[in-house]
Protein backbone atom coordinates (compact mmCIF):
# COMPACT_ATOMS: atom_id res chain seq x y z
CA UNK A 1 34.36 63.48 36.83
CA UNK A 2 36.35 60.41 35.55
CA UNK A 3 39.79 61.15 34.44
CA UNK A 4 40.27 60.90 30.68
CA UNK A 5 42.59 58.49 29.03
CA UNK A 6 45.73 59.98 28.08
CA UNK A 7 46.77 59.27 24.51
CA UNK A 8 50.02 60.19 22.72
CA UNK A 9 50.17 60.60 18.89
CA UNK A 10 53.52 60.23 17.26
CA UNK A 11 53.95 60.82 13.50
CA UNK A 12 50.57 62.74 13.05
CA UNK A 13 51.93 65.10 10.48
CA UNK A 14 52.38 62.36 7.80
CA UNK A 15 49.81 60.99 5.55
CA UNK A 16 48.55 58.14 7.90
CA UNK A 17 48.81 60.37 10.90
CA UNK A 18 46.83 63.29 9.26
CA UNK A 19 44.08 60.99 8.05
CA UNK A 20 44.02 59.50 11.65
CA UNK A 21 43.61 62.72 13.35
CA UNK A 22 40.97 63.89 10.90
CA UNK A 23 39.01 60.89 11.64
CA UNK A 24 39.47 61.08 15.25
CA UNK A 25 38.37 64.70 15.16
CA UNK A 26 35.33 63.87 13.08
CA UNK A 27 34.39 60.96 15.32
CA UNK A 28 34.79 63.32 18.44
CA UNK A 29 37.43 60.93 19.92
CA UNK A 30 39.20 63.85 21.51
CA UNK A 31 36.13 64.50 23.61
CA UNK A 32 36.80 61.34 25.60
CA UNK A 33 40.61 61.47 25.77
CA UNK A 34 43.47 63.77 26.51
CA UNK A 35 45.77 64.02 23.54
CA UNK A 36 49.46 64.70 23.63
CA UNK A 37 51.39 65.25 20.43
CA UNK A 38 54.90 64.03 19.95
CA UNK A 39 57.43 64.56 17.18
CA UNK A 40 60.98 63.29 16.29
CA UNK A 41 61.86 66.80 14.84
CA UNK A 42 59.34 69.35 16.01
CA UNK A 43 59.57 69.18 19.79
CA UNK A 44 58.72 72.44 21.50
CA UNK A 45 56.50 73.67 18.50
CA UNK A 46 52.82 74.47 19.14
CA UNK A 47 50.56 71.54 19.34
CA UNK A 48 48.09 71.24 16.64
CA UNK A 49 45.00 72.36 18.58
CA UNK A 50 44.23 75.57 16.75
CA UNK A 51 41.28 75.25 14.47
CA UNK A 52 40.16 71.99 16.10
CA UNK A 53 38.45 73.11 19.36
CA UNK A 54 37.42 69.55 20.13
CA UNK A 55 40.92 68.92 21.01
CA UNK A 56 42.16 70.04 24.41
CA UNK A 57 45.52 68.67 25.35
CA UNK A 58 49.24 69.54 25.68
CA UNK A 59 49.82 72.97 24.23
CA UNK A 60 53.42 72.03 23.14
CA UNK A 61 54.66 69.23 20.92
CA UNK A 62 56.73 66.96 23.04
CA UNK A 63 59.95 64.83 22.22
CA UNK A 64 59.12 61.56 20.62
CA UNK A 65 62.38 60.12 22.06
CA UNK A 66 61.55 61.19 25.62
CA UNK A 67 60.78 57.80 27.23
CA UNK A 68 59.78 59.36 30.52
CA UNK A 69 57.16 61.53 28.76
CA UNK A 70 55.86 58.66 26.66
CA UNK A 71 55.71 56.34 29.68
CA UNK A 72 53.25 58.65 31.48
CA UNK A 73 50.50 58.07 29.05
CA UNK A 74 47.92 55.28 28.87
CA UNK A 75 47.85 54.82 25.14
CA UNK A 76 50.58 55.63 22.39
CA UNK A 77 49.57 55.82 18.75
CA UNK A 78 52.65 55.64 16.35
CA UNK A 79 52.36 56.44 12.66
CA UNK A 80 56.10 57.26 12.60
CA UNK A 81 57.38 54.13 10.87
CA UNK A 82 59.19 50.89 11.63
CA UNK A 83 62.50 52.38 12.59
CA UNK A 84 60.98 54.44 15.33
CA UNK A 85 59.02 51.49 16.70
CA UNK A 86 62.17 49.36 16.85
CA UNK A 87 64.07 52.07 18.66
CA UNK A 88 61.48 53.20 21.27
CA UNK A 89 58.96 50.35 21.87
CA UNK A 90 61.46 47.81 23.40
CA UNK A 91 62.83 50.31 25.83
CA UNK A 92 59.39 51.30 26.92
CA UNK A 93 58.34 47.74 27.53
CA UNK A 94 61.63 46.96 29.49
CA UNK A 95 61.00 49.88 31.80
CA UNK A 96 57.69 48.38 32.69
CA UNK A 97 55.34 50.50 30.74
CA UNK A 98 52.16 48.47 30.43
CA UNK A 99 50.00 50.92 28.30
CA UNK A 100 48.49 50.10 24.92
CA UNK A 101 50.82 50.54 21.85
CA UNK A 102 48.87 51.12 18.73
CA UNK A 103 51.19 51.08 15.59
CA UNK A 104 50.79 51.38 11.85
CA UNK A 105 54.16 49.95 11.10
CA UNK A 106 55.06 46.48 10.25
CA UNK A 107 57.74 45.95 12.93
CA UNK A 108 55.46 44.24 15.56
CA UNK A 109 52.96 42.37 13.24
CA UNK A 110 54.40 38.90 13.73
CA UNK A 111 55.30 39.41 17.56
CA UNK A 112 53.65 36.89 19.87
CA UNK A 113 52.80 39.85 22.14
CA UNK A 114 50.96 41.64 19.37
CA UNK A 115 47.67 41.21 17.38
CA UNK A 116 46.92 42.62 14.00
CA UNK A 117 43.81 44.69 14.13
CA UNK A 118 41.22 44.41 11.46
CA UNK A 119 38.18 44.56 13.57
CA UNK A 120 35.44 44.20 11.03
CA UNK A 121 36.56 40.78 10.30
CA UNK A 122 38.75 39.51 13.28
CA UNK A 123 37.16 41.25 16.27
CA UNK A 124 36.88 37.86 18.01
CA UNK A 125 40.66 37.35 17.74
CA UNK A 126 41.37 41.00 19.05
CA UNK A 127 39.01 40.32 22.04
CA UNK A 128 40.79 37.14 22.94
CA UNK A 129 44.34 38.74 22.68
CA UNK A 130 43.08 41.52 24.94
CA UNK A 131 41.79 38.94 27.42
CA UNK A 132 45.12 37.30 27.49
CA UNK A 133 46.88 40.61 28.19
CA UNK A 134 48.03 41.74 24.75
CA UNK A 135 48.81 45.39 24.74
CA UNK A 136 50.38 45.76 21.30
CA UNK A 137 47.63 46.54 18.55
CA UNK A 138 49.06 46.67 15.17
CA UNK A 139 47.67 47.63 11.79
CA UNK A 140 48.15 45.15 9.01
CA UNK A 141 49.58 45.51 5.57
CA UNK A 142 47.39 47.84 3.63
CA UNK A 143 46.53 45.55 0.66
CA UNK A 144 46.15 42.51 2.70
CA UNK A 145 43.73 44.22 5.06
CA UNK A 146 41.72 45.53 2.07
CA UNK A 147 41.60 42.11 0.56
CA UNK A 148 40.46 40.58 3.79
CA UNK A 149 37.85 43.36 4.40
CA UNK A 150 36.32 42.08 1.06
CA UNK A 151 37.02 38.34 1.13
CA UNK A 152 37.29 37.11 4.72
CA UNK A 153 33.47 36.32 4.69
CA UNK A 154 34.19 33.75 1.98
CA UNK A 155 37.42 32.41 3.68
CA UNK A 156 35.51 32.12 7.11
CA UNK A 157 32.86 29.98 5.54
CA UNK A 158 35.47 27.59 4.16
CA UNK A 159 34.81 28.13 0.63
CA UNK A 160 38.11 29.33 -0.59
CA UNK A 161 40.91 26.75 -1.39
CA UNK A 162 43.49 29.24 -2.47
CA UNK A 163 43.68 32.82 -3.88
CA UNK A 164 46.03 35.00 -5.74
CA UNK A 165 46.02 38.72 -5.47
CA UNK A 166 47.11 41.09 -8.23
CA UNK A 167 47.51 44.62 -6.50
CA UNK A 168 47.74 48.12 -7.94
CA UNK A 169 49.15 50.21 -5.12
CA UNK A 170 48.99 54.02 -4.83
CA UNK A 171 52.19 56.09 -4.15
CA UNK A 172 50.95 56.89 -0.74
CA UNK A 173 51.77 53.30 0.30
CA UNK A 174 55.48 54.15 -0.08
CA UNK A 175 55.16 57.12 2.19
CA UNK A 176 54.72 60.84 2.10
CA UNK A 177 57.99 61.52 0.15
CA UNK A 178 56.89 59.11 -2.69
CA UNK A 179 53.49 60.77 -2.86
CA UNK A 180 55.04 64.26 -3.21
CA UNK A 181 57.50 62.93 -5.73
CA UNK A 182 54.76 61.43 -7.94
CA UNK A 183 53.01 64.83 -7.99
CA UNK A 184 56.44 66.46 -8.89
CA UNK A 185 56.80 63.92 -11.70
CA UNK A 186 53.37 64.74 -12.95
CA UNK A 187 54.15 68.50 -12.93
CA UNK A 188 57.43 67.97 -14.79
CA UNK A 189 55.85 65.86 -17.42
CA UNK A 190 52.75 68.22 -17.63
CA UNK A 191 55.17 71.22 -18.35
CA UNK A 192 57.08 69.28 -20.95
CA UNK A 193 53.80 68.35 -22.62
CA UNK A 194 52.12 71.75 -22.58
CA UNK A 195 53.48 73.12 -25.85
CA UNK A 196 52.31 70.07 -27.60
CA UNK A 197 48.90 69.92 -26.14
CA UNK A 198 48.40 73.73 -26.93
CA UNK A 199 49.18 73.10 -30.66
CA UNK A 200 46.14 71.87 -32.49
CA UNK A 201 48.29 70.50 -35.36
CA UNK A 202 50.53 68.47 -33.16
CA UNK A 203 51.12 64.93 -33.98
CA UNK A 204 50.02 62.23 -31.57
CA UNK A 205 53.49 60.66 -31.66
CA UNK A 206 55.03 63.81 -30.42
CA UNK A 207 53.15 63.37 -27.18
CA UNK A 208 54.57 59.91 -26.79
CA UNK A 209 58.04 61.14 -27.70
CA UNK A 210 57.95 64.01 -25.02
CA UNK A 211 56.83 61.58 -22.38
CA UNK A 212 59.52 59.15 -23.16
CA UNK A 213 62.13 61.99 -23.11
CA UNK A 214 60.63 63.20 -19.74
CA UNK A 215 61.34 59.73 -18.24
CA UNK A 216 65.06 60.15 -19.22
CA UNK A 217 65.29 63.72 -17.90
CA UNK A 218 68.10 63.68 -15.16
CA UNK A 219 66.04 66.42 -13.44
CA UNK A 220 63.12 63.99 -12.97
CA UNK A 221 62.93 63.14 -9.29
CA UNK A 222 63.06 59.39 -8.49
CA UNK A 223 64.87 59.23 -5.14
CA UNK A 224 61.69 58.08 -3.16
CA UNK A 225 60.22 55.60 -5.74
CA UNK A 226 63.34 54.53 -7.57
CA UNK A 227 61.87 55.02 -11.04
CA UNK A 228 59.39 57.24 -12.81
CA UNK A 229 55.79 56.48 -11.74
CA UNK A 230 53.72 59.09 -13.47
CA UNK A 231 52.41 57.74 -16.80
CA UNK A 232 54.09 54.54 -15.73
CA UNK A 233 54.08 51.75 -13.03
CA UNK A 234 56.70 49.92 -11.05
CA UNK A 235 56.15 46.04 -10.69
CA UNK A 236 58.36 45.75 -7.49
CA UNK A 237 57.44 46.78 -4.01
CA UNK A 238 59.78 46.36 -0.90
CA UNK A 239 62.82 43.88 -0.86
CA UNK A 240 63.48 40.58 -2.30
CA UNK A 241 62.63 37.46 -0.29
CA UNK A 242 64.50 34.07 -0.38
CA UNK A 243 61.95 32.29 -2.85
CA UNK A 244 61.90 35.01 -5.30
CA UNK A 245 58.80 36.98 -4.23
CA UNK A 246 58.98 40.49 -2.82
CA UNK A 247 58.31 41.14 0.91
CA UNK A 248 55.00 42.99 -0.10
CA UNK A 249 53.97 39.74 -1.88
CA UNK A 250 55.11 37.58 1.10
CA UNK A 251 53.00 39.50 3.51
CA UNK A 252 49.85 38.32 1.64
CA UNK A 253 50.36 34.77 2.77
CA UNK A 254 51.84 35.51 6.33
CA UNK A 255 49.51 38.26 7.32
CA UNK A 256 46.27 36.56 6.11
CA UNK A 257 46.93 33.54 8.37
CA UNK A 258 47.65 35.86 11.41
CA UNK A 259 44.72 38.20 11.00
CA UNK A 260 42.20 35.29 10.59
CA UNK A 261 44.02 32.77 12.84
CA UNK A 262 43.83 30.22 10.16
CA UNK A 263 44.84 26.55 10.74
CA UNK A 264 45.51 25.09 8.36
CA UNK A 265 46.99 27.85 6.44
CA UNK A 266 45.26 29.15 3.29
CA UNK A 267 47.58 29.44 0.36
CA UNK A 268 47.95 33.10 -0.81
CA UNK A 269 50.01 34.23 -3.75
CA UNK A 270 50.09 37.37 -5.78
CA UNK A 271 51.98 40.26 -7.46
CA UNK A 272 52.25 43.79 -6.25
CA UNK A 273 52.61 46.69 -8.62
CA UNK A 274 53.00 50.40 -7.76
CA UNK A 275 50.80 52.52 -10.03
CA UNK A 276 50.21 56.34 -10.48
CA UNK A 277 47.29 56.67 -8.10
CA UNK A 278 47.82 59.04 -5.12
CA UNK A 279 46.10 57.31 -2.29
CA UNK A 280 43.80 54.47 -3.15
CA UNK A 281 45.13 50.96 -3.63
CA UNK A 282 43.13 48.49 -5.85
CA UNK A 283 43.37 44.86 -6.52
CA UNK A 284 41.99 41.96 -8.53
CA UNK A 285 41.69 38.42 -6.87
CA UNK A 286 41.66 35.06 -8.36
CA UNK A 287 39.79 32.52 -6.13
CA UNK A 288 39.81 28.82 -6.22
CA UNK A 289 36.73 27.65 -4.66
CA UNK A 290 36.23 24.30 -2.77
CA UNK A 291 32.90 23.72 -4.62
CA UNK A 292 30.79 25.28 -7.36
CA UNK A 293 28.83 28.22 -5.94
CA UNK A 294 26.27 30.47 -7.66
CA UNK A 295 27.56 33.87 -7.99
CA UNK A 296 24.48 35.18 -6.43
CA UNK A 297 25.34 33.28 -3.20
CA UNK A 298 28.72 34.67 -3.16
CA UNK A 299 27.45 38.35 -3.68
CA UNK A 300 24.89 37.85 -0.96
CA UNK A 301 27.48 36.54 1.60
CA UNK A 302 29.71 39.67 0.73
CA UNK A 303 26.82 42.14 0.86
CA UNK A 304 25.74 41.09 4.32
CA UNK A 305 29.20 40.59 5.89
CA UNK A 306 29.82 43.96 7.60
CA UNK A 307 28.97 47.66 7.13
CA UNK A 308 32.19 48.59 5.25
CA UNK A 309 31.73 46.09 2.34
CA UNK A 310 30.04 47.26 -0.84
CA UNK A 311 29.15 45.00 -3.70
CA UNK A 312 29.12 47.08 -6.93
CA UNK A 313 27.03 46.02 -9.92
CA UNK A 314 29.15 44.52 -12.66
CA UNK A 315 28.44 46.93 -15.30
CA UNK A 316 30.71 49.57 -16.96
CA UNK A 317 28.63 52.48 -15.71
CA UNK A 318 28.63 51.35 -12.03
CA UNK A 319 32.38 50.36 -12.19
CA UNK A 320 33.36 53.87 -13.51
CA UNK A 321 31.07 55.63 -11.15
CA UNK A 322 31.93 53.74 -7.85
CA UNK A 323 34.93 51.42 -8.28
CA UNK A 324 37.83 53.77 -9.00
CA UNK A 325 40.37 55.61 -6.87
CA UNK A 326 38.91 58.89 -8.08
CA UNK A 327 35.46 57.83 -6.88
CA UNK A 328 36.50 56.71 -3.27
CA UNK A 329 39.54 58.79 -2.41
CA UNK A 330 39.13 60.78 0.68
CA UNK A 331 35.90 58.89 1.64
CA UNK A 332 35.12 55.88 3.86
CA UNK A 333 33.72 53.87 0.80
């Protein structure tokens, strides 16, 4: 029997890692690899093999900073974040480890020795990178990846002159702590509003006053998000860049070029806003086309591009039923 590929998973308890392990289990990936679970804080605990009998691997969680243990494996998948990548990845490569490093963080996205993976639209670029020996495979920025899953077919055809994306990003994009904080804000505001909602004679303005008072409540948690997000939004994500945009907005231009290997570059602008959804990012995109094209031709190009792209009928009924975070959360749609 052939030896199974050994795979180390780091950061598997967070949102991204949890979704990944669920998908790998559903796809029966653990039937064809030998998983080893690593943690920065839970080394020595029981590995998560109970309840998922498909997974047969190391019975104990291993130390995510143990370079000797990491270097034993063929593939390492990190959902631990950029600080972990910056600390561990260079040391592993310096000691000669030549396995595949698969990463969800942004640390390596622009490295010459890495390729951003979005295989429904850039599989040819990934294959060329593998052929030249690239072993660092990195996930792109979430909203850039989603935008290109939808619009890369039009860009590849040379139809798009420039684009501007307006994103409505869920709390999960800021990490697990932000997602929990949003839910806690919802609970505190709900508790404050309960007496008003239970009073049939309450005035509508009292609801508004209670929400406003809740925003000023010193007990409302904002350490992860920096401001109230429940019943609100935050029009700033990540840090400022030198030209006045945020780093999240800057990624739209930079990562689009890298994912699609565009030359000349395609101008990409936009604004990124955090909204009170839990998991699903949304966005609207303004396209400047190079020539007048019938809408039916654009829709046909999109609908036939790849299995993950859906064109939703432009009606209020179809939009409400299929084009909202509530409709797609937890699915592959």
